[in-house]
Amino acid sequence: MNERRRRPARLEIGQEVVRTPETIFEEAHGKAIRRPMRGRVDYIHPRGRFHIVAFEVRGKTIKETFQGVEV
């Protein structure tokens, strides 16, 4: 039978997530277009106030902070 992959109830370091970064965007016709991207959780604040996601862009790592710890 097919086993479905279950999403963890809590955010974990190393987990792959989809977020829409504010600092990484494409330009089309002079307009900044922000799109959701896949990244990995790099850090979680001990009290769950924010988390840092690392995105691989053109062979480099760019990190961005997001509020909360939603999965």
Protein backbone atom coordinates (compact mmCIF):
# COMPACT_ATOMS: atom_id res chain seq x y z
CA MET A 1 0.00 0.00 0.00
CA ASN A 2 0.94 3.62 -0.44
CA GLU A 3 2.33 5.22 2.67
CA ARG A 4 1.77 8.93 2.84
CA ARG A 5 4.49 11.11 4.18
CA ARG A 6 3.23 12.84 7.29
CA ARG A 7 4.09 16.45 7.94
CA PRO A 8 5.67 17.02 11.34
CA ALA A 9 3.48 18.87 13.84
CA ARG A 10 6.37 21.18 14.70
CA LEU A 11 8.98 22.92 12.60
CA GLU A 12 12.38 21.20 12.77
CA ILE A 13 15.89 22.25 11.81
CA GLY A 14 16.81 20.81 8.41
CA GLN A 15 13.16 20.48 7.38
CA GLU A 16 12.33 21.53 3.82
CA VAL A 17 9.71 24.30 3.72
CA VAL A 18 8.13 26.58 1.12
CA ARG A 19 8.28 30.30 1.86
CA THR A 20 7.97 33.53 -0.17
CA PRO A 21 11.15 35.52 0.51
CA GLU A 22 11.09 39.33 0.47
CA THR A 23 14.73 39.73 -0.62
CA ILE A 24 14.78 37.26 -3.53
CA PHE A 25 12.62 38.09 -6.53
CA GLU A 26 12.43 38.05 -10.32
CA GLU A 27 11.99 41.13 -12.46
CA ALA A 28 9.52 41.11 -15.31
CA HIS A 29 8.76 44.30 -17.23
CA GLY A 30 10.27 46.42 -14.45
CA LYS A 31 8.06 44.78 -11.84
CA ALA A 32 9.38 42.75 -8.90
CA ILE A 33 7.68 39.34 -8.76
CA ARG A 34 7.98 37.39 -5.53
CA ARG A 35 7.39 33.65 -5.78
CA PRO A 36 7.32 30.85 -3.19
CA MET A 37 10.63 28.98 -2.99
CA ARG A 38 11.83 25.79 -1.32
CA GLY A 39 14.41 26.15 1.41
CA ARG A 40 15.66 24.42 4.55
CA VAL A 41 15.11 25.57 8.13
CA ASP A 42 18.47 26.70 9.48
CA TYR A 43 17.52 28.08 12.92
CA ILE A 44 14.48 28.22 15.20
CA HIS A 45 14.22 30.77 18.02
CA PRO A 46 14.00 28.93 21.37
CA ARG A 47 10.65 30.56 22.15
CA GLY A 48 9.30 30.12 18.61
CA ARG A 49 9.29 33.84 17.75
CA PHE A 50 11.00 33.38 14.37
CA HIS A 51 12.88 30.93 12.19
CA ILE A 52 15.59 31.30 9.54
CA VAL A 53 15.32 29.56 6.17
CA ALA A 54 18.32 29.04 3.85
CA PHE A 55 17.60 29.20 0.11
CA GLU A 56 20.00 28.01 -2.61
CA VAL A 57 20.07 30.66 -5.35
CA ARG A 58 22.50 30.52 -8.28
CA GLY A 59 24.92 28.34 -6.32
CA LYS A 60 24.90 30.56 -3.21
CA THR A 61 23.03 30.39 0.07
CA ILE A 62 20.73 33.25 1.01
CA LYS A 63 19.08 33.25 4.43
CA GLU A 64 15.90 35.04 5.39
CA THR A 65 13.98 35.32 8.66
CA PHE A 66 10.27 34.52 8.99
CA GLN A 67 7.94 35.09 11.95
CA GLY A 68 6.64 32.25 14.06
CA VAL A 69 7.20 28.54 13.62
CA GLU A 70 4.32 27.47 11.38
CA VAL A 71 4.94 24.30 9.38
